[in-house]
Amino acid sequence: MTLLAIVGGSGFSSFASLEPIESHAMDTPYGETSAPILRGGLDGAEILFLPRHGVGHRLAPHRVNYRANLWALRAAGATRVIGLAAVGGIGERYGPLTLVVPHDIIDYTHGRAHTIYDSDAEGLEHHDMTTPYCDDLREVLLRACAQTGQPAVDRGVYGATQGPRLETSAEIARLERDGCDLVGMTGMPEAAIARELGLCYASLAFVVNWAAGKGADQIRIEEIEANLSACAGRVESTLRALAGMLDRDLRLRSL
């Protein structure tokens, strides 16, 4: 079976539009997943959903078991994965409430389990990360945004920081010099492990605040929460359209 999987980020520890079919925990070689995997229906298409931070948003970015999450989704039948990402905006085009489909990423994280190849038994393979996101899935995701009337910025460099604290203004200035347009805390090692597992992975990012030093004021958590709520409906409508597109494509190829 070929399924779309959605990894929910901040603001998406549950998925209101999903009609549950079953929920089950999975054993993995890397330990427990953030939460049981939910299999459900989304506008007639069957998908998988897993909240990255666990039920109730209990796991900090550096404590997420990215390896277990992605391994379990693949074992459950997923071949395509969308990682939802609440991010801060750095570049002028990336202000609050903007939807973005990033095309590249820079990893500033440390101390995380970054690869599935950490024992002799698993051997070693080197994977090309020139384009860290799946171009085919990015293209369909952008079409889904257009179909639902949700304009999205095509392209953006995501800077993955350690968290859970927010960044200093000097750190954001450094990220900007490095070429980052967005800043978040979960893009890596998720994208890299997805590549190692042979999963077609893309991200739908939604900007919930100006990054440190880029807005007029200091960052307020209340503003972030309000912008998360404002983005939720737009993200869900885009995902419904995406699931339908991929489901129709799968049906056509099976004829």
Protein backbone atom coordinates (compact mmCIF):
# COMPACT_ATOMS: atom_id res chain seq x y z
CA MET A 1 0.00 0.00 0.00
CA THR A 2 1.16 3.52 -0.83
CA LEU A 3 0.07 6.23 1.59
CA LEU A 4 0.66 9.89 2.25
CA ALA A 5 1.85 10.56 5.80
CA ILE A 6 1.55 13.89 7.55
CA VAL A 7 3.86 14.73 10.45
CA GLY A 8 2.12 17.36 12.53
CA GLY A 9 4.18 20.09 14.14
CA SER A 10 3.36 22.94 16.52
CA GLY A 11 -0.35 23.67 16.35
CA PHE A 12 -1.03 20.25 14.84
CA SER A 13 -0.88 17.71 17.64
CA SER A 14 -4.28 16.60 16.34
CA PHE A 15 -5.94 16.78 12.94
CA ALA A 16 -9.59 17.80 13.10
CA SER A 17 -10.35 17.04 9.43
CA LEU A 18 -9.19 13.43 9.67
CA GLU A 19 -11.83 10.71 10.03
CA PRO A 20 -10.15 8.05 12.22
CA ILE A 21 -9.98 4.46 11.00
CA GLU A 22 -7.49 3.01 13.47
CA SER A 23 -4.70 4.07 15.78
CA HIS A 24 -1.82 1.86 16.80
CA ALA A 25 1.59 2.04 18.41
CA MET A 26 4.48 0.44 16.55
CA ASP A 27 7.69 -1.16 17.76
CA THR A 28 10.74 0.17 15.92
CA PRO A 29 14.48 -0.56 16.05
CA TYR A 30 14.92 2.97 17.40
CA GLY A 31 12.43 2.98 20.26
CA GLU A 32 9.03 4.59 20.66
CA THR A 33 7.40 7.00 18.24
CA SER A 34 6.16 10.37 19.46
CA ALA A 35 2.61 8.99 19.55
CA PRO A 36 0.58 6.15 18.02
CA ILE A 37 0.14 6.41 14.25
CA LEU A 38 -3.38 7.40 13.23
CA ARG A 39 -4.73 5.96 10.00
CA GLY A 40 -7.72 7.88 8.72
CA GLY A 41 -9.70 9.28 5.84
CA LEU A 42 -9.20 12.77 4.46
CA ASP A 43 -11.82 13.74 1.89
CA GLY A 44 -11.97 10.15 0.67
CA ALA A 45 -8.22 9.53 0.64
CA GLU A 46 -6.57 7.31 3.23
CA ILE A 47 -3.57 8.87 4.97
CA LEU A 48 -1.38 8.47 8.06
CA PHE A 49 -0.92 11.12 10.73
CA LEU A 50 1.69 11.37 13.47
CA PRO A 51 2.13 14.38 15.80
CA ARG A 52 5.87 15.06 15.94
CA HIS A 53 5.78 16.51 19.45
CA GLY A 54 3.41 13.89 20.83
CA VAL A 55 -0.14 14.24 22.08
CA GLY A 56 -0.47 17.59 23.82
CA HIS A 57 2.82 18.91 22.42
CA ARG A 58 4.96 17.37 25.19
CA LEU A 59 8.25 16.68 23.35
CA ALA A 60 10.83 19.42 22.81
CA PRO A 61 12.43 19.49 19.33
CA HIS A 62 15.68 17.89 20.52
CA ARG A 63 13.77 15.05 22.24
CA VAL A 64 11.70 13.98 19.22
CA ASN A 65 12.61 10.45 18.09
CA TYR A 66 12.84 11.30 14.39
CA ARG A 67 14.23 7.89 13.46
CA ALA A 68 11.42 5.96 15.13
CA ASN A 69 8.76 8.26 13.68
CA LEU A 70 9.89 7.93 10.08
CA TRP A 71 10.73 4.23 10.31
CA ALA A 72 7.24 3.53 11.68
CA LEU A 73 5.52 5.59 8.98
CA ARG A 74 7.38 3.68 6.29
CA ALA A 75 6.53 0.37 7.95
CA ALA A 76 2.87 1.43 7.99
CA GLY A 77 2.93 1.93 4.23
CA ALA A 78 3.92 5.56 3.73
CA THR A 79 6.06 6.48 0.74
CA ARG A 80 5.39 10.24 0.78
CA VAL A 81 5.72 12.39 3.89
CA ILE A 82 4.75 16.00 4.49
CA GLY A 83 6.40 17.61 7.52
CA LEU A 84 4.37 20.54 8.84
CA ALA A 85 6.54 23.31 10.25
CA ALA A 86 5.71 26.43 12.24
CA VAL A 87 8.60 28.79 11.53
CA GLY A 88 9.94 32.28 12.03
CA GLY A 89 10.39 34.55 9.03
CA ILE A 90 13.77 36.06 8.19
CA GLY A 91 13.60 37.32 4.60
CA GLU A 92 11.25 40.12 3.50
CA ARG A 93 8.98 37.72 1.59
CA TYR A 94 8.45 35.53 4.65
CA GLY A 95 6.29 37.56 6.99
CA PRO A 96 3.76 36.15 9.46
CA LEU A 97 0.91 34.04 7.99
CA THR A 98 2.92 33.23 4.84
CA LEU A 99 2.83 29.64 3.59
CA VAL A 100 6.15 28.38 2.24
CA VAL A 101 7.31 25.22 0.47
CA PRO A 102 11.06 25.23 1.26
CA HIS A 103 13.56 23.92 -1.25
CA ASP A 104 16.73 23.75 0.88
CA ILE A 105 17.88 23.53 4.47
CA ILE A 106 20.88 24.31 6.67
CA ASP A 107 21.39 22.24 9.82
CA TYR A 108 22.53 24.04 12.99
CA THR A 109 21.35 21.33 15.41
CA HIS A 110 23.62 19.22 17.60
CA GLY A 111 23.46 16.16 19.80
CA ARG A 112 20.52 14.57 17.97
CA ALA A 113 20.39 11.07 16.49
CA HIS A 114 21.00 12.24 12.93
CA THR A 115 21.21 8.95 11.02
CA ILE A 116 19.96 5.39 10.92
CA TYR A 117 23.55 4.22 10.37
CA ASP A 118 24.87 4.16 13.92
CA SER A 119 25.79 0.50 14.33
CA ASP A 120 27.93 -1.99 12.45
CA ALA A 121 24.89 -4.22 11.85
CA GLU A 122 23.20 -1.58 9.70
CA GLY A 123 26.21 -1.00 7.46
CA LEU A 124 26.69 2.40 5.86
CA GLU A 125 25.33 4.22 2.83
CA HIS A 126 26.01 7.80 1.77
CA HIS A 127 22.94 9.66 0.49
CA ASP A 128 22.97 12.69 -1.78
CA MET A 129 21.34 15.72 -0.11
CA THR A 130 21.90 18.26 -2.89
CA THR A 131 18.13 18.70 -2.99
CA PRO A 132 16.96 17.68 0.51
CA TYR A 133 13.26 17.89 -0.33
CA CYS A 134 11.46 15.69 -2.88
CA ASP A 135 10.88 17.84 -5.97
CA ASP A 136 7.88 15.81 -7.15
CA LEU A 137 6.09 16.19 -3.84
CA ARG A 138 6.98 19.88 -3.63
CA GLU A 139 5.40 20.42 -7.04
CA VAL A 140 2.13 18.70 -6.07
CA LEU A 141 2.07 20.57 -2.76
CA LEU A 142 2.40 23.90 -4.56
CA ARG A 143 -0.43 22.90 -6.92
CA ALA A 144 -2.58 22.04 -3.89
CA CYS A 145 -1.90 25.48 -2.43
CA ALA A 146 -2.91 27.12 -5.71
CA GLN A 147 -6.04 24.98 -6.06
CA THR A 148 -7.31 26.05 -2.65
CA GLY A 149 -6.49 29.71 -3.18
CA GLN A 150 -3.72 29.65 -0.60
CA PRO A 151 -0.75 31.49 -2.14
CA ALA A 152 2.54 29.93 -1.09
CA VAL A 153 6.11 31.03 -1.60
CA ASP A 154 7.89 28.53 -3.83
CA ARG A 155 11.40 28.12 -2.45
CA GLY A 156 12.99 29.11 0.79
CA VAL A 157 16.01 28.02 2.82
CA TYR A 158 15.06 26.62 6.23
CA GLY A 159 17.58 27.09 9.05
CA ALA A 160 17.17 24.27 11.60
CA THR A 161 18.18 25.37 15.10
CA GLN A 162 18.40 23.40 18.33
CA GLY A 163 15.68 24.97 20.47
CA PRO A 164 13.59 24.84 22.48
CA ARG A 165 14.55 28.43 23.21
CA LEU A 166 14.06 30.98 20.47
CA GLU A 167 17.10 32.50 18.81
CA THR A 168 18.93 35.73 19.63
CA SER A 169 18.89 38.59 17.14
CA ALA A 170 22.63 38.01 16.50
CA GLU A 171 21.95 34.35 15.71
CA ILE A 172 19.22 35.33 13.25
CA ALA A 173 21.58 37.83 11.64
CA ARG A 174 24.07 35.00 11.20
CA LEU A 175 21.40 32.75 9.66
CA GLU A 176 20.47 35.54 7.28
CA ARG A 177 24.11 35.96 6.22
CA ASP A 178 24.21 32.20 5.63
CA GLY A 179 21.25 32.50 3.26
CA CYS A 180 18.38 31.30 5.47
CA ASP A 181 14.88 32.63 4.79
CA LEU A 182 13.13 30.75 7.62
CA VAL A 183 14.04 29.41 11.03
CA GLY A 184 12.60 26.36 12.76
CA MET A 185 13.66 23.60 15.13
CA THR A 186 12.54 20.29 13.57
CA GLY A 187 13.57 20.30 9.90
CA MET A 188 16.69 18.31 10.71
CA PRO A 189 17.33 15.47 11.12
CA GLU A 190 13.81 14.73 9.84
CA ALA A 191 14.61 15.50 6.19
CA ALA A 192 17.90 13.57 6.25
CA ILE A 193 16.45 10.46 7.91
CA ALA A 194 13.56 10.47 5.45
CA ARG A 195 16.12 10.42 2.62
CA GLU A 196 18.01 7.54 4.24
CA LEU A 197 14.77 5.57 4.51
CA GLY A 198 13.86 6.18 0.87
CA LEU A 199 10.86 8.39 1.66
CA CYS A 200 9.74 11.22 -0.63
CA TYR A 201 9.71 14.11 1.87
CA ALA A 202 8.63 17.73 1.60
CA SER A 203 7.71 20.44 4.08
CA LEU A 204 4.78 22.81 4.32
CA ALA A 205 5.96 25.69 6.46
CA PHE A 206 3.76 28.45 7.88
CA VAL A 207 5.28 31.60 9.32
CA VAL A 208 3.99 32.42 12.81
CA ASN A 209 6.32 35.29 13.75
CA TRP A 210 9.13 37.47 12.55
CA ALA A 211 12.42 35.97 13.73
CA ALA A 212 14.37 37.79 16.46
CA GLY A 213 15.42 41.27 15.38
CA LYS A 214 13.36 41.21 12.16
CA GLY A 215 10.13 42.63 13.57
CA ALA A 216 9.36 45.88 15.32
CA ASP A 217 8.98 44.32 18.76
CA GLN A 218 10.19 41.40 20.80
CA ILE A 219 8.60 38.06 20.05
CA ARG A 220 5.42 37.40 22.01
CA ILE A 221 4.16 33.85 22.54
CA GLU A 222 0.58 35.14 22.37
CA GLU A 223 1.23 36.39 18.84
CA ILE A 224 2.70 33.04 17.81
CA GLU A 225 -0.34 31.19 19.17
CA ALA A 226 -2.75 33.54 17.41
CA ASN A 227 -0.90 33.09 14.11
CA LEU A 228 -0.88 29.31 14.56
CA SER A 229 -4.66 29.41 14.85
CA ALA A 230 -4.94 31.71 11.83
CA CYS A 231 -2.86 29.33 9.69
CA ALA A 232 -4.57 26.10 10.79
CA GLY A 233 -7.55 26.23 8.45
CA ARG A 234 -5.42 27.21 5.45
CA VAL A 235 -2.98 24.38 6.09
CA GLU A 236 -5.77 21.82 6.51
CA SER A 237 -7.51 22.85 3.28
CA THR A 238 -4.20 22.55 1.43
CA LEU A 239 -3.59 19.08 2.87
CA ARG A 240 -7.10 17.95 1.87
CA ALA A 241 -6.42 19.05 -1.70
CA LEU A 242 -3.01 17.39 -1.67
CA ALA A 243 -4.39 14.08 -0.41
CA GLY A 244 -7.02 14.11 -3.15
CA MET A 245 -4.46 14.83 -5.86
CA LEU A 246 -2.16 12.02 -4.75
CA ASP A 247 -5.08 9.60 -4.32
CA ARG A 248 -6.34 10.29 -7.87
CA ASP A 249 -2.82 9.86 -9.23
CA LEU A 250 -2.50 6.52 -7.43
CA ARG A 251 -5.84 5.31 -8.75
CA LEU A 252 -4.96 6.30 -12.31
CA ARG A 253 -1.64 4.46 -12.16
CA SER A 254 -3.37 1.33 -10.83
CA LEU A 255 -5.78 1.11 -13.81
